Amino acid sequence: MKKIKIVLFALLAFISSKAQQPSSVEMADAFRENGKIYVVITVIAIIFTGIIAYLIYIDRKISKLEKKVK
């Protein structure tokens, strides 16, 4: 669990440092103008949350199996 917190903190630090740079991507500008950027961000967040939840689930399963083997 500690490792996951460290990884999440590192990702957030990376994202916040990238967010401060000016954006010149035309597609992103168009999405922002139309308000669709929030849909894109929401879908990405849902996918990312699902992946993290799946990894936690797999980690718990592996931990249980390791305890059984010992």
Foldseek 3Di string as FASTA:
>chain_A
DVVVVVVVVVVVVVVVVVVPDDDDDPVVVVCVVVVVVVVVVVVVVVVVVVVVVVVVVVVVVVVVVVVVVD
